[in-house]
Structures are given as structure tokens and as C-alpha cells.
Amino acid sequence: TVLYHLGEVLRTDRVNMVLYHRKERKLEFIASYFSGEENRDEPEIYTLSDGMNSWIIKNRKPLLIKEDSVAECAKKGIRHGGKPAKSWLGVPMIRDGKIIGVLSVQSYGETNLYDDASTELLDLVARQVVVAVENARLYEGIARREIEKQKLYYSLTHDLLSFVTPITGYGEVIKRLSPEEMALRKDDLGDAVLASSLKIQRFVEDILLFAKIQSGTLTMHPGAVNLYQIID
């Protein structure tokens, strides 16, 4: 929607929104608007290189081309990619001092279409887009963590039942045994119940350990250990 309205305010044939993934040094074209069409490209991912969007990412400043994108890129040492444009304007999307992407507009048929005022307008829109992108990322992170929690709860419940079920079974066996039979089998049944109980105890301890790791309250005690014993 933002790109669509931007395409109406600024005379343009195409509007692009590109996200920058800093750790992977990747550019992701997440949305495009084409004049006269309601169209969106599928996300495309490219490595940060020497192209026009990469130039904006590296220099952290707008790139304004008024006449010939091919000729202007050649002057600046920028590798030109895609369809040549008569007018091209791109601005960085910056949040908390970190660049997260590029917002650009271009025209294939008109020269001198963008100027300093266009740059200021596009920069203003980019700031608003950054807020929307960050909010969307935050929401996606919350939704992803909620799904992970649900998977974890299911796994914990399944594992805990696998430990409790044998004890229930042993209890039913004990109830059916006569005193004489119980006297003969008490050691075996006692060992089995104890082993299952210890498994539950270790399982709960692991859950508590995991909770401490997640909350950042786990206290580390560095020291020498027998590595062969751990491997064994």
C-alpha cells in the first residue's frame, strides 16, 4: 500500500523496497510497485556487491540520477543492473543508526524527474516505512516464539507422560499381586519404580536448567573435568 501511494505521489514507473540483512550481507527485494498495475514481485535475494542499492547501503546516503542511469553509474564506478532508467532515486532506510534497507523510485521514459525536494520526500517516507518494517519484524518474532513455545510444551508433555506411564503400570501390577507374589517381586518392582522416578527427577532438573538458561540466571562454575568420562 505504501509503495502504491508513493508511486502515485512521485511520477514513477517503478518503486522498490529492499531490505538489508547485515549478518548475511544480503539484499532482499521484498516489494515492488509498477505504474498502472497492481503487481508485486516475489522476494529476490542478492549478495551485497557494487550495484546501485549496494552503493546506497555502503555510503549510507541517497543516490540521485537525473538523466541516464547507465552513464551515471559508469561515472561513479557502480555496476548497473536491470533495465536502464532515465531518472532514478534511492534513499537509505535507517533505524537507530543502522541501515536496514533502501527505498527507490525510477522512470524509464522521463529525464530530470527527481530533485532535492523529491529526495526529501522519499527520505521522509523511508523513515515511516522503517518503523512499519521494524514493527512487522517484532510481531513476526513474537509469533515465531509463540509457535516454538507450543512445540516445546507438546514435547515436554509427551516426554513426561513417557516417564509417568510406567510407574502407573507398576502401581496397577502391585495392586493385583497377592502378598506372596509381592514378597517375591518387591525388589524388581521397587527397582523399576525407583528407576522411573529418577528419570522424572532428571527430566524436571533439565527443565529447570533450561529455564535458567533462557532467563539468563544460570551461574557458571568453570573447572577441570574428566573429558573421557563425559565422552564415555
Protein backbone atom coordinates (compact mmCIF):
# COMPACT_ATOMS: atom_id res chain seq x y z
CA THR A 1 0.00 0.00 0.00
CA VAL A 2 2.82 2.41 0.86
CA LEU A 3 4.57 1.72 -2.42
CA TYR A 4 1.32 2.09 -4.35
CA HIS A 5 0.61 5.55 -2.92
CA LEU A 6 4.24 6.59 -3.31
CA GLY A 7 4.00 5.62 -6.96
CA GLU A 8 1.06 7.99 -7.29
CA VAL A 9 2.71 10.93 -5.50
CA LEU A 10 6.04 10.70 -7.32
CA ARG A 11 5.85 10.23 -11.07
CA THR A 12 7.48 6.86 -11.46
CA ASP A 13 7.33 3.63 -13.39
CA ARG A 14 8.58 1.52 -10.51
CA VAL A 15 9.03 1.69 -6.74
CA ASN A 16 11.27 -0.82 -4.93
CA MET A 17 11.69 -1.68 -1.26
CA VAL A 18 14.89 -3.55 -0.45
CA LEU A 19 15.81 -4.92 2.98
CA TYR A 20 19.43 -5.35 4.02
CA HIS A 21 20.42 -8.37 6.14
CA ARG A 22 23.64 -7.19 7.75
CA LYS A 23 24.92 -10.51 9.12
CA GLU A 24 24.48 -12.33 5.83
CA ARG A 25 25.36 -9.23 3.75
CA LYS A 26 22.30 -9.90 1.60
CA LEU A 27 19.80 -7.62 -0.14
CA GLU A 28 16.18 -8.80 -0.28
CA PHE A 29 13.79 -7.16 -2.76
CA ILE A 30 10.60 -7.64 -0.74
CA ALA A 31 8.11 -5.43 -2.63
CA SER A 32 7.69 -3.54 -5.89
CA TYR A 33 5.07 -1.31 -7.45
CA PHE A 34 4.69 -0.97 -11.21
CA SER A 35 2.88 2.02 -12.67
CA GLY A 36 -0.57 1.13 -13.94
CA GLU A 37 -0.53 -2.33 -12.38
CA GLU A 38 -1.24 -3.88 -9.01
CA ASN A 39 1.75 -6.14 -9.04
CA ARG A 40 4.34 -7.42 -6.58
CA ASP A 41 7.50 -9.34 -7.34
CA GLU A 42 8.34 -12.49 -5.44
CA PRO A 43 11.14 -11.75 -2.95
CA GLU A 44 14.55 -11.83 -4.65
CA ILE A 45 17.81 -12.05 -2.71
CA TYR A 46 21.21 -10.78 -3.88
CA THR A 47 24.62 -10.55 -2.25
CA LEU A 48 25.83 -7.07 -1.29
CA SER A 49 28.07 -6.05 -4.20
CA ASP A 50 28.80 -2.93 -6.27
CA GLY A 51 25.30 -2.24 -7.61
CA MET A 52 23.12 0.81 -7.09
CA ASN A 53 21.35 -0.40 -3.96
CA SER A 54 24.62 -1.73 -2.56
CA TRP A 55 26.19 1.71 -3.14
CA ILE A 56 23.48 3.32 -1.01
CA ILE A 57 23.95 0.68 1.71
CA LYS A 58 27.72 1.21 1.83
CA ASN A 59 27.66 5.02 1.61
CA ARG A 60 24.54 5.48 3.77
CA LYS A 61 23.31 8.35 1.59
CA PRO A 62 20.84 8.94 -1.27
CA LEU A 63 21.68 8.28 -4.91
CA LEU A 64 20.06 10.69 -7.38
CA ILE A 65 20.32 10.13 -11.14
CA LYS A 66 18.65 12.76 -13.31
CA GLU A 67 19.28 11.67 -16.89
CA ASP A 68 20.90 8.33 -17.74
CA SER A 69 21.32 5.60 -15.12
CA VAL A 70 23.86 3.66 -17.21
CA ALA A 71 26.12 6.66 -17.85
CA GLU A 72 25.87 7.95 -14.28
CA CYS A 73 26.67 4.54 -12.81
CA ALA A 74 29.73 4.30 -15.05
CA LYS A 75 30.96 7.69 -13.73
CA LYS A 76 30.56 6.61 -10.10
CA GLY A 77 32.02 3.13 -10.61
CA ILE A 78 28.68 1.48 -9.90
CA ARG A 79 27.70 -1.72 -11.66
CA HIS A 80 24.41 -1.15 -13.44
CA GLY A 81 21.82 -3.90 -13.22
CA GLY A 82 18.32 -4.25 -14.59
CA LYS A 83 16.51 -2.08 -17.10
CA PRO A 84 18.17 1.33 -17.80
CA ALA A 85 16.27 4.28 -16.33
CA LYS A 86 16.13 7.92 -17.42
CA SER A 87 15.58 9.03 -13.81
CA TRP A 88 16.45 7.09 -10.65
CA LEU A 89 16.35 7.97 -6.96
CA GLY A 90 17.11 5.80 -3.96
CA VAL A 91 17.43 6.63 -0.24
CA PRO A 92 18.70 4.56 2.70
CA MET A 93 16.30 3.26 5.34
CA ILE A 94 17.99 3.84 8.70
CA ARG A 95 16.84 2.88 12.19
CA ASP A 96 18.80 3.65 15.39
CA GLY A 97 21.93 4.37 13.35
CA LYS A 98 21.71 1.04 11.49
CA ILE A 99 20.83 0.84 7.82
CA ILE A 100 18.12 -1.75 7.19
CA GLY A 101 17.35 -1.21 3.52
CA VAL A 102 16.74 1.02 0.50
CA LEU A 103 13.63 2.69 -0.91
CA SER A 104 13.88 3.69 -4.58
CA VAL A 105 11.82 5.10 -7.46
CA GLN A 106 12.62 5.18 -11.17
CA SER A 107 11.29 6.29 -14.52
CA TYR A 108 12.17 4.64 -17.81
CA GLY A 109 10.97 7.42 -20.11
CA GLU A 110 11.44 10.84 -18.43
CA THR A 111 14.66 12.67 -17.52
CA ASN A 112 15.17 15.20 -14.70
CA LEU A 113 12.14 13.80 -12.93
CA TYR A 114 13.60 13.87 -9.41
CA ASP A 115 15.41 16.61 -7.49
CA ASP A 116 16.36 17.56 -3.93
CA ALA A 117 12.71 18.02 -2.97
CA SER A 118 11.94 14.51 -4.24
CA THR A 119 14.85 13.21 -2.19
CA GLU A 120 13.49 14.86 0.97
CA LEU A 121 10.03 13.41 0.34
CA LEU A 122 11.35 9.92 -0.32
CA ASP A 123 13.56 10.13 2.77
CA LEU A 124 10.54 11.10 4.89
CA VAL A 125 8.56 8.15 3.54
CA ALA A 126 11.55 5.83 4.15
CA ARG A 127 11.59 6.81 7.83
CA GLN A 128 7.94 5.86 8.19
CA VAL A 129 8.50 2.61 6.29
CA VAL A 130 11.36 1.73 8.64
CA VAL A 131 9.02 1.97 11.64
CA ALA A 132 6.48 -0.26 9.90
CA VAL A 133 9.17 -2.80 8.95
CA GLU A 134 10.55 -2.94 12.49
CA ASN A 135 7.05 -3.40 13.93
CA ALA A 136 6.40 -6.21 11.46
CA ARG A 137 9.67 -7.90 12.39
CA LEU A 138 8.80 -7.59 16.09
CA TYR A 139 5.39 -9.15 15.50
CA GLU A 140 6.91 -11.99 13.46
CA GLY A 141 9.43 -12.62 16.23
CA ILE A 142 6.68 -12.82 18.86
CA ALA A 143 4.59 -15.14 16.67
CA ARG A 144 7.62 -17.36 15.99
CA ARG A 145 8.47 -17.61 19.69
CA GLU A 146 4.84 -18.49 20.49
CA ILE A 147 4.95 -21.35 17.96
CA GLU A 148 8.25 -22.53 19.46
CA LYS A 149 6.68 -22.47 22.93
CA GLN A 150 3.74 -24.57 21.77
CA LYS A 151 6.12 -27.12 20.23
CA LEU A 152 8.18 -27.17 23.43
CA TYR A 153 5.12 -27.67 25.65
CA TYR A 154 3.93 -30.54 23.45
CA SER A 155 7.36 -32.16 23.55
CA LEU A 156 7.67 -31.77 27.32
CA THR A 157 4.20 -33.20 27.92
CA HIS A 158 4.90 -36.15 25.63
CA ASP A 159 8.24 -36.91 27.30
CA LEU A 160 6.84 -36.54 30.81
CA LEU A 161 3.98 -38.94 30.04
CA SER A 162 6.50 -41.48 28.74
CA PHE A 163 8.17 -41.41 32.18
CA VAL A 164 4.97 -41.41 34.26
CA THR A 165 3.16 -44.17 32.36
CA PRO A 166 5.49 -46.99 33.51
CA ILE A 167 5.01 -46.00 37.16
CA THR A 168 1.25 -46.15 36.70
CA GLY A 169 1.65 -49.59 35.17
CA TYR A 170 3.81 -50.81 38.04
CA GLY A 171 1.24 -49.50 40.51
CA GLU A 172 -1.54 -51.48 38.83
CA VAL A 173 0.64 -54.63 38.89
CA ILE A 174 1.35 -54.18 42.62
CA LYS A 175 -2.37 -53.82 43.37
CA ARG A 176 -3.14 -57.14 41.65
CA LEU A 177 -0.36 -59.11 43.35
CA SER A 178 -1.04 -61.31 46.34
CA PRO A 179 1.12 -60.84 49.44
CA GLU A 180 3.08 -63.94 48.49
CA GLU A 181 3.68 -62.73 44.93
CA MET A 182 4.56 -59.28 46.19
CA ALA A 183 7.16 -60.73 48.54
CA LEU A 184 8.82 -62.45 45.58
CA ARG A 185 8.74 -59.46 43.20
CA LYS A 186 9.12 -56.49 45.54
CA ASP A 187 12.78 -55.95 44.74
CA ASP A 188 12.29 -55.99 40.96
CA LEU A 189 9.20 -53.77 41.09
CA GLY A 190 10.85 -51.43 43.60
CA ASP A 191 13.91 -51.04 41.37
CA ALA A 192 11.70 -50.37 38.33
CA VAL A 193 9.64 -47.70 40.14
CA LEU A 194 12.81 -46.10 41.51
CA ALA A 195 14.45 -46.02 38.06
CA SER A 196 11.37 -44.37 36.52
CA SER A 197 11.21 -41.87 39.39
CA LEU A 198 14.85 -40.93 38.89
CA LYS A 199 14.18 -40.35 35.17
CA ILE A 200 11.38 -37.94 36.07
CA GLN A 201 13.65 -36.19 38.57
CA ARG A 202 16.41 -35.70 35.97
CA PHE A 203 13.84 -34.56 33.42
CA VAL A 204 12.50 -31.88 35.79
CA GLU A 205 16.04 -30.78 36.63
CA ASP A 206 16.73 -30.38 32.90
CA ILE A 207 13.61 -28.23 32.54
CA LEU A 208 14.73 -26.01 35.43
CA LEU A 209 18.20 -25.75 33.90
CA PHE A 210 16.70 -24.77 30.55
CA ALA A 211 14.56 -22.12 32.29
CA LYS A 212 17.68 -20.65 33.94
CA ILE A 213 19.49 -20.53 30.60
CA GLN A 214 16.51 -18.78 28.95
CA SER A 215 16.22 -16.23 31.76
CA GLY A 216 19.96 -15.57 31.92
CA THR A 217 20.17 -16.52 35.61
CA LEU A 218 22.34 -19.62 35.17
CA THR A 219 25.52 -19.37 37.24
CA MET A 220 28.60 -20.85 35.62
CA HIS A 221 31.32 -22.59 37.65
CA PRO A 222 34.36 -23.19 35.40
CA GLY A 223 36.62 -26.02 36.45
CA ALA A 224 38.61 -29.04 35.35
CA VAL A 225 36.60 -32.06 34.21
CA ASN A 226 37.33 -35.59 33.06
CA LEU A 227 36.61 -35.29 29.34
CA TYR A 228 36.93 -39.05 28.77
CA GLN A 229 34.16 -39.68 31.29
CA ILE A 230 31.87 -37.18 29.57
CA ILE A 231 32.52 -38.74 26.16
CA ASP A 232 32.04 -42.22 27.57
